[in-house]
Structures are given as structure tokens and as C-alpha cells.
Amino acid sequence: MIDLHIHSRCSDGSASVREIVAQYREMGFSHIAITDHDVICTDPLPEPSEAGGLRVIPGIELSLKDPASGRKVHLLGYFFDPVHPGLNILIERIAASRKKAAAHIMAGLRQMGYPVEEEGVKPYAGSGGIYKQHILHYLLDQGLVRKMFGGLDRKLFGRGGPLYYPIDYADFREGLATLRDAGALSVLAHPGQGQLFDLVEEMKELGLEGIEVTHPTHSQADREKSARLAGRLDLLQIPGSDNHGIYTQTRIHFERLTLEEQAEERLLGKLEEKLA
């Protein structure tokens, strides 16, 4: 079993890499990837001998956009150079914007009567800084909301809400070029979420190597369309859970993280080639 889309405490996941490895080893996975949002996770990745044979792949998920349509575009990258200047500049740009967004949300909540201070939220966050999930978790633990993802989340933080803050996401073309220059294997994440299928052919021309076919939010139609595009454009097929631990909003059926036999064999061959 393979899961190449997992978030840790380095960004907006709730578990450490060590905890994630223990969970996936127990479930019998062979390969996983830590793909934190817009940050290179600094937690050490264990060798297979330390992880019971589980292969743990370094990765990242870049949050980008299609300027023409305003749609969000997320790209997964694996096996990149972690000190590549261009990649780190892009990461720092997004981090600076996300920091402003967190400050904006917390200031707005204080004006609404919620006693939210950065120092109180910081313990919930990891090396990637404060994300919306950390603020919601703090509010829950303080008894200020009844559930983490509910009416407050949708009403205040969503597009058009009073505390919505647009993060400065780069054009997906810039993201693809940056991942390519950093030596990454690049994959389009959950194309069904924004119905991004019309962008895949251009992405392939720009260096895209794979597409996430299996994802908890994908309908059967999304999965079939992704697989057809992968076949037509010679792209790797990727299974991913988008696991955020307790911050996961879509139920994950881990046993469904499967691919057609030929697609899985090709993916495993590519991963082993990169890991060698």
C-alpha cells in the first residue's frame, strides 16, 4: 500500500513524522510521503530499518493558483533539492503571506470578542507557522467553539467571509518551473477538487510527471478522468489520502488507496529508482 500525500505537524497536520510512521507501519503500508503545505518538514525521516521496512519519502505540497480562473492549484513535489534557492524563496513568500493571514484572523477574532493571542496558539503550530486549523484547535480547547470545523469556520474564514484573507499564491506555472529546477518529481494534487482537468495538458508540457488519481474527495468520475489523462499523457498515477490527522475534514478509507495493477507497478518502479 502507498500513500504519497500526508501532512505532519510541520504544517497543518496534527501528528509528528514519528507518529505518522508508526501509524502507517501498523496499517501495512510500504511507501509514504510527507508532503507538508508550503514548507519543507524538518523532522528527521527514518531509514527503512528504523521504520520496519516502511519507505518514507520527502515531499512538499505547493499551494498555487490559476490566475485566469482564480482556481487553487496544488502541486506535490518529491525528491527535490531541499536547499534549492528558488524553491526556498517561493516557500518564504507563501509563508510571509500566511503569517499575515493568521495575524489578520486573530485580530479579527479579538475584535469579535474571542480572546485569541498568538502566544496561546503557537503551541499548536509546527515549524511552518500558524495555520487556520491551529487557531480553530485553540478555540475548541478554550471552550469557545463546540467543534473545530463548523459554522464559525465556514462563516468567518471562507471566501467572502469577514476574516477571509487572500494568501499570495504563485501562478501554477511558476510553481511547476520551480519544482522542475529543484529536481522534483511533480504531481498535480486532487484535480477533481477544482475540476482542473483542462490544465493538465499544459502542465505536462511544463514538466508535470504525475497526477493524483486516488483521493478521498474524488468521485468515481474524477478518478476515471484522472486515470484516462494519465494514460493519454504518460503520467504517473498517484494514490494520496491528504491525511491531516485530527484536522482531516474528509473521511479517509485507507484500504481504498489503490491503483490499477499496472499503474501501481510503474509507480513503485519509479519510487525505487529515485530511492536507490
C-alpha atoms as a PDB file:
ATOM      1  CA  MET A   1       0.000   0.000   0.000  1.00  0.00           C
ATOM      2  CA  ILE A   2       1.146   3.505  -0.889  1.00  0.00           C
ATOM      3  CA  ASP A   3       0.159   6.975   0.379  1.00  0.00           C
ATOM      4  CA  LEU A   4       2.056   9.881  -1.163  1.00  0.00           C
ATOM      5  CA  HIS A   5       0.048  12.753   0.334  1.00  0.00           C
ATOM      6  CA  ILE A   6       0.367  13.165   4.115  1.00  0.00           C
ATOM      7  CA  HIS A   7       0.653  16.297   6.277  1.00  0.00           C
ATOM      8  CA  SER A   8       2.536  16.462   9.568  1.00  0.00           C
ATOM      9  CA  ARG A   9       2.875  18.953  12.413  1.00  0.00           C
ATOM     10  CA  CYS A  10       5.418  20.773  10.275  1.00  0.00           C
ATOM     11  CA  SER A  11       2.422  22.411   8.555  1.00  0.00           C
ATOM     12  CA  ASP A  12      -1.287  21.792   9.168  1.00  0.00           C
ATOM     13  CA  GLY A  13      -1.290  18.150  10.212  1.00  0.00           C
ATOM     14  CA  SER A  14      -1.708  17.121  13.848  1.00  0.00           C
ATOM     15  CA  ALA A  15       0.841  14.267  14.069  1.00  0.00           C
ATOM     16  CA  SER A  16       4.619  14.212  14.106  1.00  0.00           C
ATOM     17  CA  VAL A  17       6.538  12.289  11.473  1.00  0.00           C
ATOM     18  CA  ARG A  18       7.360   9.680  14.109  1.00  0.00           C
ATOM     19  CA  GLU A  19       3.655   9.217  14.897  1.00  0.00           C
ATOM     20  CA  ILE A  20       2.761   9.048  11.194  1.00  0.00           C
ATOM     21  CA  VAL A  21       5.397   6.387  10.564  1.00  0.00           C
ATOM     22  CA  ALA A  22       4.098   4.287  13.455  1.00  0.00           C
ATOM     23  CA  GLN A  23       0.505   4.570  12.180  1.00  0.00           C
ATOM     24  CA  TYR A  24       1.321   3.612   8.596  1.00  0.00           C
ATOM     25  CA  ARG A  25       3.665   0.807   9.600  1.00  0.00           C
ATOM     26  CA  GLU A  26       0.848  -0.656  11.690  1.00  0.00           C
ATOM     27  CA  MET A  27      -1.510  -0.455   8.685  1.00  0.00           C
ATOM     28  CA  GLY A  28       0.966  -2.314   6.473  1.00  0.00           C
ATOM     29  CA  PHE A  29       1.965   0.434   4.037  1.00  0.00           C
ATOM     30  CA  SER A  30       5.178   0.063   2.029  1.00  0.00           C
ATOM     31  CA  HIS A  31       5.737   3.679   0.885  1.00  0.00           C
ATOM     32  CA  ILE A  32       4.540   7.015   2.239  1.00  0.00           C
ATOM     33  CA  ALA A  33       5.456  10.649   1.578  1.00  0.00           C
ATOM     34  CA  ILE A  34       5.394  13.618   3.950  1.00  0.00           C
ATOM     35  CA  THR A  35       4.040  16.483   1.848  1.00  0.00           C
ATOM     36  CA  ASP A  36       3.562  19.476   4.102  1.00  0.00           C
ATOM     37  CA  HIS A  37       1.880  22.616   2.811  1.00  0.00           C
ATOM     38  CA  ASP A  38       4.448  25.129   1.571  1.00  0.00           C
ATOM     39  CA  VAL A  39       7.159  24.040   3.992  1.00  0.00           C
ATOM     40  CA  ILE A  40       9.998  21.519   3.918  1.00  0.00           C
ATOM     41  CA  CYS A  41       9.466  19.404   7.020  1.00  0.00           C
ATOM     42  CA  THR A  42      12.478  19.496   9.330  1.00  0.00           C
ATOM     43  CA  ASP A  43      11.540  16.349  11.275  1.00  0.00           C
ATOM     44  CA  PRO A  44      14.093  13.611  10.518  1.00  0.00           C
ATOM     45  CA  LEU A  45      12.808  10.900   8.180  1.00  0.00           C
ATOM     46  CA  PRO A  46      13.660   7.393   9.397  1.00  0.00           C
ATOM     47  CA  GLU A  47      15.571   4.831   7.366  1.00  0.00           C
ATOM     48  CA  PRO A  48      13.617   1.680   6.402  1.00  0.00           C
ATOM     49  CA  SER A  49      15.469  -0.295   9.073  1.00  0.00           C
ATOM     50  CA  GLU A  50      14.166   2.128  11.718  1.00  0.00           C
ATOM     51  CA  ALA A  51      10.644   2.140  10.268  1.00  0.00           C
ATOM     52  CA  GLY A  52      10.048  -1.589   9.974  1.00  0.00           C
ATOM     53  CA  GLY A  53      10.725  -1.566   6.238  1.00  0.00           C
ATOM     54  CA  LEU A  54       8.447   1.392   5.503  1.00  0.00           C
ATOM     55  CA  ARG A  55       9.973   3.749   2.911  1.00  0.00           C
ATOM     56  CA  VAL A  56       9.425   7.401   3.879  1.00  0.00           C
ATOM     57  CA  ILE A  57       9.794   9.882   1.025  1.00  0.00           C
ATOM     58  CA  PRO A  58      10.458  13.609   1.478  1.00  0.00           C
ATOM     59  CA  GLY A  59       7.925  15.811  -0.240  1.00  0.00           C
ATOM     60  CA  ILE A  60       6.052  19.097  -0.275  1.00  0.00           C
ATOM     61  CA  GLU A  61       2.660  20.410  -1.379  1.00  0.00           C
ATOM     62  CA  LEU A  62       2.830  23.833  -3.004  1.00  0.00           C
ATOM     63  CA  SER A  63      -0.292  25.983  -2.822  1.00  0.00           C
ATOM     64  CA  LEU A  64      -0.643  27.801  -6.144  1.00  0.00           C
ATOM     65  CA  LYS A  65      -3.333  29.273  -8.389  1.00  0.00           C
ATOM     66  CA  ASP A  66      -4.523  29.558 -11.952  1.00  0.00           C
ATOM     67  CA  PRO A  67      -4.699  33.356 -12.436  1.00  0.00           C
ATOM     68  CA  ALA A  68      -7.081  33.108 -15.371  1.00  0.00           C
ATOM     69  CA  SER A  69      -9.834  31.331 -13.441  1.00  0.00           C
ATOM     70  CA  GLY A  70      -8.901  32.015  -9.814  1.00  0.00           C
ATOM     71  CA  ARG A  71      -8.865  28.289  -9.060  1.00  0.00           C
ATOM     72  CA  LYS A  72      -6.487  26.882  -6.458  1.00  0.00           C
ATOM     73  CA  VAL A  73      -3.876  24.501  -7.861  1.00  0.00           C
ATOM     74  CA  HIS A  74      -1.869  22.259  -5.544  1.00  0.00           C
ATOM     75  CA  LEU A  75       1.302  20.560  -6.712  1.00  0.00           C
ATOM     76  CA  LEU A  76       3.028  17.710  -4.901  1.00  0.00           C
ATOM     77  CA  GLY A  77       6.804  17.511  -5.253  1.00  0.00           C
ATOM     78  CA  TYR A  78       9.110  14.634  -4.291  1.00  0.00           C
ATOM     79  CA  PHE A  79      12.874  14.023  -4.204  1.00  0.00           C
ATOM     80  CA  PHE A  80      13.766  17.722  -4.613  1.00  0.00           C
ATOM     81  CA  ASP A  81      16.871  19.587  -3.514  1.00  0.00           C
ATOM     82  CA  PRO A  82      15.836  20.986  -0.084  1.00  0.00           C
ATOM     83  CA  VAL A  83      18.305  23.878  -0.273  1.00  0.00           C
ATOM     84  CA  HIS A  84      17.395  24.954  -3.800  1.00  0.00           C
ATOM     85  CA  PRO A  85      17.292  28.791  -3.677  1.00  0.00           C
ATOM     86  CA  GLY A  86      14.282  29.234  -5.963  1.00  0.00           C
ATOM     87  CA  LEU A  87      12.165  26.736  -4.051  1.00  0.00           C
ATOM     88  CA  ASN A  88      13.025  28.299  -0.712  1.00  0.00           C
ATOM     89  CA  ILE A  89      12.278  31.812  -1.981  1.00  0.00           C
ATOM     90  CA  LEU A  90       8.836  30.646  -3.126  1.00  0.00           C
ATOM     91  CA  ILE A  91       8.213  28.900   0.205  1.00  0.00           C
ATOM     92  CA  GLU A  92       9.260  32.015   2.142  1.00  0.00           C
ATOM     93  CA  ARG A  93       6.936  34.175   0.034  1.00  0.00           C
ATOM     94  CA  ILE A  94       3.940  31.978   0.817  1.00  0.00           C
ATOM     95  CA  ALA A  95       4.950  31.725   4.500  1.00  0.00           C
ATOM     96  CA  ALA A  96       5.117  35.511   4.842  1.00  0.00           C
ATOM     97  CA  SER A  97       1.637  35.854   3.337  1.00  0.00           C
ATOM     98  CA  ARG A  98       0.259  33.054   5.545  1.00  0.00           C
ATOM     99  CA  LYS A  99       1.719  34.790   8.620  1.00  0.00           C
ATOM    100  CA  LYS A 100      -0.168  37.960   7.689  1.00  0.00           C
ATOM    101  CA  ALA A 101      -3.332  35.905   7.204  1.00  0.00           C
ATOM    102  CA  ALA A 102      -3.013  34.351  10.679  1.00  0.00           C
ATOM    103  CA  ALA A 103      -2.451  37.770  12.267  1.00  0.00           C
ATOM    104  CA  HIS A 104      -5.473  39.146  10.391  1.00  0.00           C
ATOM    105  CA  ILE A 105      -7.701  36.279  11.574  1.00  0.00           C
ATOM    106  CA  MET A 106      -6.592  36.529  15.206  1.00  0.00           C
ATOM    107  CA  ALA A 107      -7.011  40.328  15.257  1.00  0.00           C
ATOM    108  CA  GLY A 108     -10.483  39.982  13.761  1.00  0.00           C
ATOM    109  CA  LEU A 109     -11.465  37.338  16.312  1.00  0.00           C
ATOM    110  CA  ARG A 110     -10.318  39.610  19.152  1.00  0.00           C
ATOM    111  CA  GLN A 111     -12.493  42.412  17.781  1.00  0.00           C
ATOM    112  CA  MET A 112     -15.412  39.969  17.835  1.00  0.00           C
ATOM    113  CA  GLY A 113     -14.771  39.177  21.495  1.00  0.00           C
ATOM    114  CA  TYR A 114     -12.737  35.980  21.210  1.00  0.00           C
ATOM    115  CA  PRO A 115      -9.633  36.171  23.470  1.00  0.00           C
ATOM    116  CA  VAL A 116      -7.120  34.831  20.943  1.00  0.00           C
ATOM    117  CA  GLU A 117      -3.443  35.723  21.282  1.00  0.00           C
ATOM    118  CA  GLU A 118      -0.571  34.443  19.146  1.00  0.00           C
ATOM    119  CA  GLU A 119       1.288  33.097  22.178  1.00  0.00           C
ATOM    120  CA  GLY A 120      -1.684  30.904  23.036  1.00  0.00           C
ATOM    121  CA  VAL A 121      -1.960  29.499  19.513  1.00  0.00           C
ATOM    122  CA  LYS A 122       1.781  28.938  18.930  1.00  0.00           C
ATOM    123  CA  PRO A 123       1.999  25.627  20.855  1.00  0.00           C
ATOM    124  CA  TYR A 124      -0.446  24.111  18.349  1.00  0.00           C
ATOM    125  CA  ALA A 125       1.734  25.071  15.379  1.00  0.00           C
ATOM    126  CA  GLY A 126       4.879  23.494  13.991  1.00  0.00           C
ATOM    127  CA  SER A 127       7.826  24.802  12.010  1.00  0.00           C
ATOM    128  CA  GLY A 128       5.559  26.063   9.222  1.00  0.00           C
ATOM    129  CA  GLY A 129       3.885  28.651  11.433  1.00  0.00           C
ATOM    130  CA  ILE A 130       0.240  29.200  12.338  1.00  0.00           C
ATOM    131  CA  TYR A 131      -2.463  27.857  10.015  1.00  0.00           C
ATOM    132  CA  LYS A 132      -6.226  28.305  10.322  1.00  0.00           C
ATOM    133  CA  GLN A 133      -6.515  24.806  11.849  1.00  0.00           C
ATOM    134  CA  HIS A 134      -4.302  25.780  14.775  1.00  0.00           C
ATOM    135  CA  ILE A 135      -6.490  28.784  15.599  1.00  0.00           C
ATOM    136  CA  LEU A 136      -9.614  26.632  15.457  1.00  0.00           C
ATOM    137  CA  HIS A 137      -7.996  23.969  17.666  1.00  0.00           C
ATOM    138  CA  TYR A 138      -7.106  26.637  20.232  1.00  0.00           C
ATOM    139  CA  LEU A 139     -10.684  27.967  20.206  1.00  0.00           C
ATOM    140  CA  LEU A 140     -12.008  24.441  20.730  1.00  0.00           C
ATOM    141  CA  ASP A 141      -9.679  23.709  23.653  1.00  0.00           C
ATOM    142  CA  GLN A 142     -10.631  27.013  25.251  1.00  0.00           C
ATOM    143  CA  GLY A 143     -14.300  26.088  25.015  1.00  0.00           C
ATOM    144  CA  LEU A 144     -15.007  28.986  22.673  1.00  0.00           C
ATOM    145  CA  VAL A 145     -16.424  26.796  19.893  1.00  0.00           C
ATOM    146  CA  ARG A 146     -18.232  23.446  20.048  1.00  0.00           C
ATOM    147  CA  LYS A 147     -16.483  21.849  17.072  1.00  0.00           C
ATOM    148  CA  MET A 148     -13.311  22.586  15.158  1.00  0.00           C
ATOM    149  CA  PHE A 149     -14.812  22.716  11.679  1.00  0.00           C
ATOM    150  CA  GLY A 150     -18.308  24.091  11.826  1.00  0.00           C
ATOM    151  CA  GLY A 151     -20.302  27.247  11.325  1.00  0.00           C
ATOM    152  CA  LEU A 152     -17.601  29.619  12.558  1.00  0.00           C
ATOM    153  CA  ASP A 153     -15.028  28.203  10.166  1.00  0.00           C
ATOM    154  CA  ARG A 154     -17.302  28.475   7.132  1.00  0.00           C
ATOM    155  CA  LYS A 155     -18.903  31.809   8.058  1.00  0.00           C
ATOM    156  CA  LEU A 156     -15.783  33.749   9.005  1.00  0.00           C
ATOM    157  CA  PHE A 157     -12.806  32.317   7.148  1.00  0.00           C
ATOM    158  CA  GLY A 158     -14.304  31.268   3.809  1.00  0.00           C
ATOM    159  CA  ARG A 159     -14.080  33.368   0.669  1.00  0.00           C
ATOM    160  CA  GLY A 160     -16.289  36.402   1.195  1.00  0.00           C
ATOM    161  CA  GLY A 161     -16.283  35.992   4.990  1.00  0.00           C
ATOM    162  CA  PRO A 162     -15.293  38.917   7.235  1.00  0.00           C
ATOM    163  CA  LEU A 163     -11.992  37.288   8.240  1.00  0.00           C
ATOM    164  CA  TYR A 164     -11.071  35.937   4.820  1.00  0.00           C
ATOM    165  CA  TYR A 165      -7.517  36.849   3.856  1.00  0.00           C
ATOM    166  CA  PRO A 166      -6.210  36.062   0.358  1.00  0.00           C
ATOM    167  CA  ILE A 167      -2.796  34.407   0.589  1.00  0.00           C
ATOM    168  CA  ASP A 168      -0.282  35.367  -2.091  1.00  0.00           C
ATOM    169  CA  TYR A 169      -0.173  32.137  -4.091  1.00  0.00           C
ATOM    170  CA  ALA A 170       2.066  31.984  -7.150  1.00  0.00           C
ATOM    171  CA  ASP A 171       0.948  31.046 -10.656  1.00  0.00           C
ATOM    172  CA  PHE A 172       0.998  27.262 -11.042  1.00  0.00           C
ATOM    173  CA  ARG A 173       3.385  27.726 -13.980  1.00  0.00           C
ATOM    174  CA  GLU A 174       5.919  29.341 -11.648  1.00  0.00           C
ATOM    175  CA  GLY A 175       5.426  26.513  -9.156  1.00  0.00           C
ATOM    176  CA  LEU A 176       5.994  23.848 -11.806  1.00  0.00           C
ATOM    177  CA  ALA A 177       9.117  25.579 -13.081  1.00  0.00           C
ATOM    178  CA  THR A 178      10.456  25.903  -9.532  1.00  0.00           C
ATOM    179  CA  LEU A 179       9.874  22.231  -8.754  1.00  0.00           C
ATOM    180  CA  ARG A 180      11.492  21.236 -12.060  1.00  0.00           C
ATOM    181  CA  ASP A 181      14.548  23.395 -11.345  1.00  0.00           C
ATOM    182  CA  ALA A 182      14.808  21.866  -7.853  1.00  0.00           C
ATOM    183  CA  GLY A 183      14.912  18.376  -9.396  1.00  0.00           C
ATOM    184  CA  ALA A 184      11.493  17.357  -8.075  1.00  0.00           C
ATOM    185  CA  LEU A 185       9.118  14.748  -9.385  1.00  0.00           C
ATOM    186  CA  SER A 186       5.992  16.910  -9.715  1.00  0.00           C
ATOM    187  CA  VAL A 187       2.390  15.715  -9.387  1.00  0.00           C
ATOM    188  CA  LEU A 188      -0.959  17.515  -9.654  1.00  0.00           C
ATOM    189  CA  ALA A 189      -2.861  17.000  -6.396  1.00  0.00           C
ATOM    190  CA  HIS A 190      -6.602  16.188  -6.285  1.00  0.00           C
ATOM    191  CA  PRO A 191      -7.541  17.653  -9.694  1.00  0.00           C
ATOM    192  CA  GLY A 192     -11.183  16.817  -9.064  1.00  0.00           C
ATOM    193  CA  GLN A 193     -11.489  19.415  -6.298  1.00  0.00           C
ATOM    194  CA  GLY A 194     -11.283  22.391  -8.635  1.00  0.00           C
ATOM    195  CA  GLN A 195     -12.031  20.448 -11.805  1.00  0.00           C
ATOM    196  CA  LEU A 196      -8.528  21.221 -13.044  1.00  0.00           C
ATOM    197  CA  PHE A 197      -8.516  18.641 -15.814  1.00  0.00           C
ATOM    198  CA  ASP A 198      -8.355  21.306 -18.525  1.00  0.00           C
ATOM    199  CA  LEU A 199      -4.941  22.430 -17.201  1.00  0.00           C
ATOM    200  CA  VAL A 200      -3.257  19.024 -17.225  1.00  0.00           C
ATOM    201  CA  GLU A 201      -2.087  19.029 -20.838  1.00  0.00           C
ATOM    202  CA  GLU A 202      -0.334  22.390 -20.415  1.00  0.00           C
ATOM    203  CA  MET A 203       1.152  21.179 -17.126  1.00  0.00           C
ATOM    204  CA  LYS A 204       2.550  18.109 -18.854  1.00  0.00           C
ATOM    205  CA  GLU A 205       4.296  20.358 -21.365  1.00  0.00           C
ATOM    206  CA  LEU A 206       5.751  22.331 -18.446  1.00  0.00           C
ATOM    207  CA  GLY A 207       7.188  19.251 -16.717  1.00  0.00           C
ATOM    208  CA  LEU A 208       4.337  17.613 -14.788  1.00  0.00           C
ATOM    209  CA  GLU A 209       5.127  13.920 -14.213  1.00  0.00           C
ATOM    210  CA  GLY A 210       2.115  12.611 -12.344  1.00  0.00           C
ATOM    211  CA  ILE A 211      -1.498  13.101 -11.315  1.00  0.00           C
ATOM    212  CA  GLU A 212      -3.213  12.150  -8.066  1.00  0.00           C
ATOM    213  CA  VAL A 213      -5.874   9.673  -9.138  1.00  0.00           C
ATOM    214  CA  THR A 214      -6.974   8.257  -5.783  1.00  0.00           C
ATOM    215  CA  HIS A 215      -8.029  10.910  -3.243  1.00  0.00           C
ATOM    216  CA  PRO A 216     -10.795  10.971  -0.580  1.00  0.00           C
ATOM    217  CA  THR A 217     -12.617  13.862  -2.291  1.00  0.00           C
ATOM    218  CA  HIS A 218     -12.552  12.281  -5.751  1.00  0.00           C
ATOM    219  CA  SER A 219     -15.752  10.876  -7.150  1.00  0.00           C
ATOM    220  CA  GLN A 220     -15.565   7.765  -9.295  1.00  0.00           C
ATOM    221  CA  ALA A 221     -15.858  10.060 -12.321  1.00  0.00           C
ATOM    222  CA  ASP A 222     -12.912  12.171 -11.084  1.00  0.00           C
ATOM    223  CA  ARG A 223     -10.842   9.067 -10.563  1.00  0.00           C
ATOM    224  CA  GLU A 224     -11.643   7.685 -14.013  1.00  0.00           C
ATOM    225  CA  LYS A 225     -10.960  11.018 -15.705  1.00  0.00           C
ATOM    226  CA  SER A 226      -7.630  11.353 -13.879  1.00  0.00           C
ATOM    227  CA  ALA A 227      -6.614   7.827 -14.907  1.00  0.00           C
ATOM    228  CA  ARG A 228      -7.559   8.468 -18.539  1.00  0.00           C
ATOM    229  CA  LEU A 229      -5.484  11.644 -18.616  1.00  0.00           C
ATOM    230  CA  ALA A 230      -2.567   9.803 -17.029  1.00  0.00           C
ATOM    231  CA  GLY A 231      -2.745   7.173 -19.746  1.00  0.00           C
ATOM    232  CA  ARG A 232      -3.073   9.636 -22.614  1.00  0.00           C
ATOM    233  CA  LEU A 233      -0.297  11.952 -21.394  1.00  0.00           C
ATOM    234  CA  ASP A 234       2.019   9.258 -19.985  1.00  0.00           C
ATOM    235  CA  LEU A 235       1.757  10.480 -16.392  1.00  0.00           C
ATOM    236  CA  LEU A 236       2.356   8.516 -13.209  1.00  0.00           C
ATOM    237  CA  GLN A 237      -0.778   7.722 -11.220  1.00  0.00           C
ATOM    238  CA  ILE A 238      -0.561   8.611  -7.533  1.00  0.00           C
ATOM    239  CA  PRO A 239      -2.669   7.495  -4.530  1.00  0.00           C
ATOM    240  CA  GLY A 240      -2.980  10.006  -1.698  1.00  0.00           C
ATOM    241  CA  SER A 241      -5.059  10.308   1.471  1.00  0.00           C
ATOM    242  CA  ASP A 242      -4.408  14.019   2.163  1.00  0.00           C
ATOM    243  CA  ASN A 243      -4.173  12.909   5.781  1.00  0.00           C
ATOM    244  CA  HIS A 244      -4.064  15.817   8.267  1.00  0.00           C
ATOM    245  CA  GLY A 245      -4.629  13.720  11.390  1.00  0.00           C
ATOM    246  CA  ILE A 246      -7.356  15.235  13.572  1.00  0.00           C
ATOM    247  CA  TYR A 247      -7.545  18.188  11.168  1.00  0.00           C
ATOM    248  CA  THR A 248      -8.729  15.939   8.314  1.00  0.00           C
ATOM    249  CA  GLN A 249     -12.195  17.019   7.178  1.00  0.00           C
ATOM    250  CA  THR A 250     -12.934  14.205   4.714  1.00  0.00           C
ATOM    251  CA  ARG A 251     -13.199  10.606   5.892  1.00  0.00           C
ATOM    252  CA  ILE A 252     -10.255   8.521   4.707  1.00  0.00           C
ATOM    253  CA  HIS A 253     -10.738   4.906   3.666  1.00  0.00           C
ATOM    254  CA  PHE A 254      -7.118   3.777   3.703  1.00  0.00           C
ATOM    255  CA  GLU A 255      -7.990   0.447   2.150  1.00  0.00           C
ATOM    256  CA  ARG A 256      -9.173   2.313  -0.961  1.00  0.00           C
ATOM    257  CA  LEU A 257      -5.785   3.913  -1.648  1.00  0.00           C
ATOM    258  CA  THR A 258      -5.239   1.587  -4.571  1.00  0.00           C
ATOM    259  CA  LEU A 259      -4.356   1.817  -8.256  1.00  0.00           C
ATOM    260  CA  GLU A 260      -4.742  -0.498 -11.200  1.00  0.00           C
ATOM    261  CA  GLU A 261      -2.008  -3.155 -11.008  1.00  0.00           C
ATOM    262  CA  GLN A 262      -0.008  -1.845 -13.965  1.00  0.00           C
ATOM    263  CA  ALA A 263      -0.152   1.751 -12.724  1.00  0.00           C
ATOM    264  CA  GLU A 264       0.969   0.698  -9.240  1.00  0.00           C
ATOM    265  CA  GLU A 265       3.877  -1.346 -10.594  1.00  0.00           C
ATOM    266  CA  ARG A 266       5.027   1.608 -12.670  1.00  0.00           C
ATOM    267  CA  LEU A 267       4.798   3.944  -9.674  1.00  0.00           C
ATOM    268  CA  LEU A 268       6.706   1.548  -7.411  1.00  0.00           C
ATOM    269  CA  GLY A 269       9.410   1.203 -10.053  1.00  0.00           C
ATOM    270  CA  LYS A 270       9.787   4.987 -10.228  1.00  0.00           C
ATOM    271  CA  LEU A 271       9.909   5.347  -6.451  1.00  0.00           C
ATOM    272  CA  GLU A 272      12.538   2.633  -6.068  1.00  0.00           C
ATOM    273  CA  GLU A 273      14.587   4.190  -8.850  1.00  0.00           C
ATOM    274  CA  LYS A 274      14.526   7.540  -7.025  1.00  0.00           C
ATOM    275  CA  LEU A 275      15.238   5.959  -3.648  1.00  0.00           C
ATOM    276  CA  ALA A 276      18.219   3.970  -4.909  1.00  0.00           C
END
